[in-house]
N, C-alpha and C. Protein backbone atom coordinates (compact mmCIF):
# COMPACT_ATOMS: atom_id res chain seq x y z
N UNK A 1 -0.14 35.97 1.65
CA UNK A 1 -1.40 35.95 0.97
C UNK A 1 -1.73 37.39 0.59
N UNK A 2 -1.97 37.62 -0.70
CA UNK A 2 -2.28 38.96 -1.19
C UNK A 2 -3.79 39.16 -1.18
N UNK A 3 -4.23 40.24 -0.58
CA UNK A 3 -5.65 40.56 -0.49
C UNK A 3 -5.90 41.84 -1.29
N UNK A 4 -6.85 41.76 -2.22
CA UNK A 4 -7.27 42.93 -2.98
C UNK A 4 -8.52 43.49 -2.33
N UNK A 5 -8.56 44.81 -2.19
CA UNK A 5 -9.67 45.46 -1.51
C UNK A 5 -10.22 46.58 -2.38
N UNK A 6 -11.53 46.64 -2.46
CA UNK A 6 -12.19 47.71 -3.20
C UNK A 6 -13.41 48.18 -2.44
N UNK A 7 -13.80 49.40 -2.69
CA UNK A 7 -15.02 49.93 -2.11
C UNK A 7 -16.12 49.91 -3.17
N UNK A 8 -17.24 49.32 -2.83
CA UNK A 8 -18.37 49.22 -3.74
C UNK A 8 -19.11 50.55 -3.79
N UNK A 9 -19.97 50.71 -4.80
CA UNK A 9 -20.74 51.94 -4.94
C UNK A 9 -21.66 52.19 -3.76
N UNK A 10 -22.12 51.11 -3.12
CA UNK A 10 -23.04 51.25 -1.99
C UNK A 10 -22.30 51.53 -0.67
N UNK A 11 -20.98 51.64 -0.72
CA UNK A 11 -20.19 51.98 0.46
C UNK A 11 -19.57 50.80 1.16
N UNK A 12 -20.03 49.58 0.84
CA UNK A 12 -19.43 48.39 1.46
C UNK A 12 -18.05 48.16 0.89
N UNK A 13 -17.24 47.45 1.65
CA UNK A 13 -15.90 47.06 1.20
C UNK A 13 -15.93 45.59 0.81
N UNK A 14 -15.18 45.23 -0.23
CA UNK A 14 -15.04 43.84 -0.62
C UNK A 14 -13.55 43.51 -0.63
N UNK A 15 -13.23 42.38 -0.03
CA UNK A 15 -11.84 41.91 0.01
C UNK A 15 -11.81 40.54 -0.66
N UNK A 16 -10.78 40.28 -1.44
CA UNK A 16 -10.69 39.03 -2.21
C UNK A 16 -9.26 38.51 -2.23
N UNK A 17 -9.13 37.20 -2.12
CA UNK A 17 -7.84 36.52 -2.26
C UNK A 17 -7.86 35.82 -3.61
N UNK A 18 -7.17 36.38 -4.59
CA UNK A 18 -7.22 35.84 -5.95
C UNK A 18 -6.60 34.45 -6.06
N UNK A 19 -5.65 34.14 -5.20
CA UNK A 19 -5.00 32.82 -5.26
C UNK A 19 -5.92 31.70 -4.78
N UNK A 20 -7.02 32.06 -4.14
CA UNK A 20 -7.99 31.08 -3.65
C UNK A 20 -9.35 31.42 -4.26
N UNK A 21 -9.70 30.77 -5.37
CA UNK A 21 -10.96 31.10 -6.06
C UNK A 21 -12.17 31.04 -5.13
N UNK A 22 -12.99 32.07 -5.22
CA UNK A 22 -14.21 32.12 -4.43
C UNK A 22 -14.04 32.68 -3.03
N UNK A 23 -12.81 33.03 -2.65
CA UNK A 23 -12.57 33.55 -1.31
C UNK A 23 -12.68 35.07 -1.36
N UNK A 24 -13.87 35.55 -1.00
CA UNK A 24 -14.11 36.98 -0.93
C UNK A 24 -15.10 37.26 0.19
N UNK A 25 -15.06 38.47 0.70
CA UNK A 25 -15.94 38.83 1.81
C UNK A 25 -16.22 40.32 1.78
N UNK A 26 -17.42 40.65 2.22
CA UNK A 26 -17.84 42.05 2.33
C UNK A 26 -17.76 42.49 3.78
N UNK A 27 -17.58 43.79 3.97
CA UNK A 27 -17.59 44.35 5.31
C UNK A 27 -18.06 45.79 5.28
N UNK A 28 -18.58 46.24 6.41
CA UNK A 28 -19.01 47.63 6.54
C UNK A 28 -17.80 48.57 6.52
N UNK A 29 -16.66 48.05 7.02
CA UNK A 29 -15.42 48.82 7.01
C UNK A 29 -14.36 48.02 6.27
N UNK A 30 -13.29 48.70 5.90
CA UNK A 30 -12.16 48.05 5.23
C UNK A 30 -11.59 46.94 6.12
N UNK A 31 -11.42 47.26 7.40
CA UNK A 31 -10.84 46.31 8.34
C UNK A 31 -11.72 45.07 8.52
N UNK A 32 -13.03 45.29 8.57
CA UNK A 32 -13.96 44.16 8.72
C UNK A 32 -13.88 43.23 7.50
N UNK A 33 -13.82 43.79 6.32
CA UNK A 33 -13.72 42.98 5.10
C UNK A 33 -12.42 42.18 5.10
N UNK A 34 -11.32 42.79 5.50
CA UNK A 34 -10.03 42.11 5.56
C UNK A 34 -10.06 40.97 6.57
N UNK A 35 -10.60 41.25 7.76
CA UNK A 35 -10.67 40.22 8.80
C UNK A 35 -11.51 39.03 8.34
N UNK A 36 -12.63 39.32 7.71
CA UNK A 36 -13.51 38.24 7.24
C UNK A 36 -12.85 37.40 6.15
N UNK A 37 -12.18 38.06 5.20
CA UNK A 37 -11.57 37.31 4.11
C UNK A 37 -10.36 36.50 4.59
N UNK A 38 -9.62 37.02 5.57
CA UNK A 38 -8.50 36.26 6.13
C UNK A 38 -9.01 35.01 6.84
N UNK A 39 -10.08 35.15 7.59
CA UNK A 39 -10.67 34.01 8.29
C UNK A 39 -11.15 32.96 7.30
N UNK A 40 -11.83 33.40 6.25
CA UNK A 40 -12.32 32.47 5.24
C UNK A 40 -11.16 31.79 4.52
N UNK A 41 -10.12 32.54 4.19
CA UNK A 41 -8.95 31.96 3.50
C UNK A 41 -8.30 30.88 4.36
N UNK A 42 -8.16 31.14 5.64
CA UNK A 42 -7.55 30.14 6.53
C UNK A 42 -8.40 28.87 6.62
N UNK A 43 -9.73 29.03 6.64
CA UNK A 43 -10.60 27.85 6.65
C UNK A 43 -10.48 27.06 5.36
N UNK A 44 -10.39 27.74 4.23
CA UNK A 44 -10.24 27.06 2.94
C UNK A 44 -8.91 26.32 2.89
N UNK A 45 -7.84 26.96 3.32
CA UNK A 45 -6.52 26.32 3.33
C UNK A 45 -6.53 25.11 4.25
N UNK A 46 -7.13 25.22 5.42
CA UNK A 46 -7.21 24.10 6.35
C UNK A 46 -7.99 22.94 5.75
N UNK A 47 -9.10 23.24 5.08
CA UNK A 47 -9.91 22.19 4.47
C UNK A 47 -9.13 21.48 3.36
N UNK A 48 -8.39 22.24 2.56
CA UNK A 48 -7.59 21.64 1.49
C UNK A 48 -6.48 20.77 2.07
N UNK A 49 -5.89 21.22 3.17
CA UNK A 49 -4.82 20.45 3.81
C UNK A 49 -5.36 19.13 4.36
N UNK A 50 -6.55 19.17 4.94
CA UNK A 50 -7.16 17.95 5.49
C UNK A 50 -7.52 16.95 4.40
N UNK A 51 -7.80 17.41 3.21
CA UNK A 51 -8.20 16.54 2.10
C UNK A 51 -7.03 15.86 1.42
N UNK A 52 -5.81 16.39 1.63
CA UNK A 52 -4.64 15.80 0.97
C UNK A 52 -4.32 14.44 1.57
N UNK A 53 -3.97 13.48 0.72
CA UNK A 53 -3.59 12.17 1.24
C UNK A 53 -2.31 12.28 2.08
N UNK A 54 -2.28 11.55 3.11
CA UNK A 54 -1.11 11.56 4.01
C UNK A 54 -0.18 10.40 3.66
N UNK A 55 1.08 10.71 3.53
CA UNK A 55 2.10 9.67 3.25
C UNK A 55 2.72 9.23 4.57
N UNK A 56 2.50 7.99 4.92
CA UNK A 56 3.10 7.43 6.14
C UNK A 56 3.94 6.25 5.82
């Protein structure tokens, strides 16, 4: 999973996963933004996996 990170003018960091629309997070530090966006990305992936029909 590729994470893009930028520093905003106000000093906050923003991290975004472009492959998952809407998955972005802010943090006071670079590491905090990365941790938050990774957590959100995993929740989104898990939710998408649960929604897929199961073939039995």
